[in-house]
Amino acid sequence: MATKIRLQRFGKKGKPFFHVVVADSRSPRDGKFIERLGSYNPNTNPATIDLNFDKTLDWVNKGAEPTDTCRAILSYKGVLYKKHLEGGVKKGALTAEQAEAKFAEWLSAKDGQIEGKKDSLTKSKDDVRKAALAAETKKNADRAAALAIKNAPVVEEVVAEEEVAVEETAEAPVAEAAVEEAAPATEEAAPATEEGKKDEA
């Protein structure tokens, strides 16, 4: 019987969730399986992979063929690297202690990469949140300034119109008085010019 390590799809439309299972290659995708090895949730960032390492390694050593996606998952979790190191131990290329040391070093480096990715994601989220907050604050300040400008000229125009009206009423009597004073002066000047013409004649 040809066994495969593959994914069984669960979850709703647009939000898939997968079980990692060992199944006969002839059985349907979501049908009968031999053993469940773990789960894979691609909806989170980074993806959440929960895998029984020892069982998966045992099935890989027995000859179960992973599908392409499952191969990537097993590689990500280090199952295939562990199988590779065990093959080296069997051939005598390295000792079991050296293989364990190499695998521990690989695991620590992988954990460091995952933690770095998580930190960068949280930092980028914080930066996006701060930028959005700054943009919203600026927008609110602009809106408040626009409202202040919109409301302020109405009051100033009314005050300015009242001041103009007061000035016009104050200037009107002064202008009338000036006109009245100018009129007798012109009348006095007119006879004087007539007399000057008579003298010249």
Protein backbone atom coordinates (compact mmCIF):
# COMPACT_ATOMS: atom_id res chain seq x y z
CA MET A 1 0.00 0.00 0.00
CA ALA A 2 1.41 3.40 -1.05
CA THR A 3 1.06 5.85 1.85
CA LYS A 4 1.20 9.59 1.55
CA ILE A 5 1.61 12.37 4.08
CA ARG A 6 -0.86 15.02 2.96
CA LEU A 7 -3.30 17.69 4.04
CA GLN A 8 -6.99 17.28 4.82
CA ARG A 9 -8.92 20.50 4.37
CA PHE A 10 -11.18 21.85 7.11
CA GLY A 11 -12.50 25.30 7.94
CA LYS A 12 -14.89 27.60 6.13
CA LYS A 13 -14.67 29.27 2.74
CA GLY A 14 -11.76 31.70 2.61
CA LYS A 15 -10.44 30.50 6.00
CA PRO A 16 -8.91 27.06 5.40
CA PHE A 17 -7.48 24.91 8.18
CA PHE A 18 -5.65 21.65 7.49
CA HIS A 19 -4.90 18.40 9.29
CA VAL A 20 -1.62 16.69 8.39
CA VAL A 21 -2.45 13.00 7.98
CA VAL A 22 -0.96 9.74 6.72
CA ALA A 23 -3.39 8.17 4.25
CA ASP A 24 -3.55 5.63 1.48
CA SER A 25 -2.81 7.41 -1.80
CA ARG A 26 -6.08 6.03 -3.27
CA SER A 27 -8.38 7.45 -0.58
CA PRO A 28 -10.14 10.81 -1.18
CA ARG A 29 -8.66 14.05 0.12
CA ASP A 30 -10.97 14.46 3.12
CA GLY A 31 -11.73 10.74 3.44
CA LYS A 32 -10.31 7.84 5.41
CA PHE A 33 -6.78 8.18 6.81
CA ILE A 34 -4.40 5.98 8.78
CA GLU A 35 -3.06 8.44 11.37
CA ARG A 36 -3.26 12.14 12.12
CA LEU A 37 0.16 13.75 12.60
CA GLY A 38 -0.69 17.37 13.30
CA SER A 39 -2.32 20.53 11.98
CA TYR A 40 -1.46 23.48 9.75
CA ASN A 41 -3.15 26.87 9.93
CA PRO A 42 -2.09 29.26 7.13
CA ASN A 43 -4.42 32.06 8.32
CA THR A 44 -1.94 33.33 10.91
CA ASN A 45 1.31 35.13 10.14
CA PRO A 46 3.63 33.24 10.46
CA ALA A 47 1.61 30.09 9.78
CA THR A 48 0.84 27.92 12.81
CA ILE A 49 2.19 24.38 12.44
CA ASP A 50 1.56 21.81 15.19
CA LEU A 51 3.29 18.53 14.35
CA ASN A 52 4.07 15.33 16.27
CA PHE A 53 7.76 15.21 15.38
CA ASP A 54 8.52 11.61 16.38
CA LYS A 55 5.51 10.05 14.66
CA THR A 56 6.15 12.08 11.49
CA LEU A 57 9.82 11.08 11.43
CA ASP A 58 8.83 7.43 11.94
CA TRP A 59 6.40 7.56 8.98
CA VAL A 60 8.97 9.29 6.76
CA ASN A 61 11.52 6.60 7.64
CA LYS A 62 8.95 3.90 6.78
CA GLY A 63 8.67 5.37 3.28
CA ALA A 64 5.55 7.56 3.39
CA GLU A 65 5.79 10.12 0.57
CA PRO A 66 4.86 13.72 1.50
CA THR A 67 3.03 15.89 -1.02
CA ASP A 68 4.73 19.13 -2.13
CA THR A 69 3.07 21.30 0.55
CA CYS A 70 3.67 18.68 3.23
CA ARG A 71 7.30 18.40 2.13
CA ALA A 72 7.68 22.15 2.68
CA ILE A 73 6.02 21.84 6.12
CA LEU A 74 8.23 18.90 7.15
CA SER A 75 11.31 20.77 5.93
CA TYR A 76 10.22 23.86 7.90
CA LYS A 77 9.85 21.80 11.08
CA GLY A 78 13.17 19.96 10.55
CA VAL A 79 11.81 16.43 10.00
CA LEU A 80 13.59 15.99 6.67
CA TYR A 81 16.85 17.41 8.05
CA LYS A 82 16.67 14.97 10.97
CA LYS A 83 16.13 12.09 8.52
CA HIS A 84 19.14 13.32 6.52
CA LEU A 85 21.33 13.37 9.65
CA GLU A 86 20.15 9.90 10.69
CA GLY A 87 21.10 8.64 7.22
CA GLY A 88 24.59 10.10 7.75
CA VAL A 89 24.86 8.31 11.10
CA LYS A 90 23.85 4.99 9.50
CA LYS A 91 26.49 5.42 6.79
CA GLY A 92 29.13 6.30 9.39
CA ALA A 93 29.75 9.81 8.07
CA LEU A 94 29.19 11.26 11.55
CA THR A 95 28.40 10.14 15.07
CA ALA A 96 25.05 10.37 16.83
CA GLU A 97 26.38 13.13 19.11
CA GLN A 98 27.53 15.19 16.14
CA ALA A 99 24.13 14.70 14.47
CA GLU A 100 22.32 15.82 17.64
CA ALA A 101 24.60 18.87 17.97
CA LYS A 102 23.99 19.84 14.33
CA PHE A 103 20.23 19.44 14.72
CA ALA A 104 20.18 21.48 17.96
CA GLU A 105 22.17 24.24 16.23
CA TRP A 106 19.77 24.19 13.29
CA LEU A 107 16.75 24.36 15.63
CA SER A 108 18.15 27.35 17.53
CA ALA A 109 18.87 29.18 14.25
CA LYS A 110 15.34 28.40 12.99
CA ASP A 111 13.78 29.60 16.25
CA GLY A 112 15.82 32.80 15.97
CA GLN A 113 14.52 33.37 12.43
CA ILE A 114 10.92 32.80 13.52
CA GLU A 115 11.27 35.13 16.51
CA GLY A 116 12.90 37.76 14.29
CA LYS A 117 9.99 37.53 11.85
CA LYS A 118 7.46 37.84 14.69
CA ASP A 119 9.31 40.85 16.12
CA SER A 120 9.49 42.56 12.72
CA LEU A 121 5.78 41.91 12.15
CA THR A 122 4.79 43.36 15.52
CA LYS A 123 7.14 46.32 14.96
CA SER A 124 5.69 46.97 11.51
CA LYS A 125 2.17 46.73 12.95
CA ASP A 126 3.12 49.25 15.66
CA ASP A 127 4.65 51.56 13.04
CA VAL A 128 1.53 51.33 10.88
CA ARG A 129 -0.65 52.02 13.93
CA LYS A 130 1.47 55.04 14.92
CA ALA A 131 1.43 56.39 11.37
CA ALA A 132 -2.34 55.97 11.19
CA LEU A 133 -2.75 57.72 14.56
CA ALA A 134 -0.51 60.61 13.43
CA ALA A 135 -2.43 60.93 10.16
CA GLU A 136 -5.74 60.91 12.02
CA THR A 137 -4.50 63.55 14.48
CA LYS A 138 -3.29 65.74 11.60
CA LYS A 139 -6.62 65.28 9.79
CA ASN A 140 -8.55 66.21 12.94
CA ALA A 141 -6.35 69.29 13.45
CA ASP A 142 -6.88 70.35 9.81
CA ARG A 143 -10.61 69.81 10.17
CA ALA A 144 -10.70 71.87 13.39
CA ALA A 145 -8.69 74.66 11.73
CA ALA A 146 -11.04 74.64 8.74
CA LEU A 147 -14.06 74.86 11.05
CA ALA A 148 -12.43 77.71 12.98
CA ILE A 149 -11.74 79.58 9.73
CA LYS A 150 -15.27 78.93 8.52
CA ASN A 151 -16.85 80.16 11.74
CA ALA A 152 -14.48 83.05 12.49
CA PRO A 153 -15.00 85.27 9.36
CA VAL A 154 -18.75 85.42 9.92
CA VAL A 155 -18.22 87.14 13.28
CA GLU A 156 -15.49 89.44 11.91
CA GLU A 157 -17.62 90.50 8.92
CA VAL A 158 -20.54 91.41 11.19
CA VAL A 159 -18.22 93.39 13.46
CA ALA A 160 -16.58 95.04 10.44
CA GLU A 161 -19.97 95.97 8.95
CA GLU A 162 -21.04 97.47 12.27
CA GLU A 163 -17.79 99.47 12.48
CA VAL A 164 -18.25 100.74 8.92
CA ALA A 165 -21.84 101.74 9.69
CA VAL A 166 -20.73 103.57 12.85
CA GLU A 167 -17.94 105.35 10.95
CA GLU A 168 -20.30 106.39 8.16
CA THR A 169 -22.81 107.80 10.65
CA ALA A 170 -20.01 109.64 12.48
CA GLU A 171 -18.53 111.00 9.26
CA ALA A 172 -21.86 112.16 7.81
CA PRO A 173 -22.42 115.13 10.21
CA VAL A 174 -18.78 116.12 9.88
CA ALA A 175 -19.08 116.08 6.08
CA GLU A 176 -22.31 118.11 6.21
CA ALA A 177 -20.68 120.66 8.51
CA ALA A 178 -17.71 120.89 6.18
CA VAL A 179 -20.02 121.44 3.20
CA GLU A 180 -21.92 124.16 5.07
CA GLU A 181 -18.69 125.92 6.04
CA ALA A 182 -17.37 125.71 2.51
CA ALA A 183 -20.57 127.15 1.00
CA PRO A 184 -20.39 130.61 2.74
CA ALA A 185 -16.73 130.84 1.98
CA THR A 186 -17.39 130.38 -1.73
CA GLU A 187 -20.20 132.93 -1.56
CA GLU A 188 -17.86 135.45 0.04
CA ALA A 189 -15.17 134.69 -2.50
CA ALA A 190 -17.55 135.15 -5.41
CA PRO A 191 -18.40 138.88 -4.64
CA ALA A 192 -14.76 139.57 -4.04
CA THR A 193 -13.88 138.35 -7.49
CA GLU A 194 -16.68 140.40 -9.03
CA GLU A 195 -15.40 143.52 -7.30
CA GLY A 196 -11.88 142.77 -8.53
CA LYS A 197 -13.19 142.59 -12.10
CA LYS A 198 -14.95 145.94 -11.71
CA ASP A 199 -11.77 147.56 -10.39
CA GLU A 200 -9.79 146.24 -13.29
CA ALA A 201 -12.33 147.57 -15.74
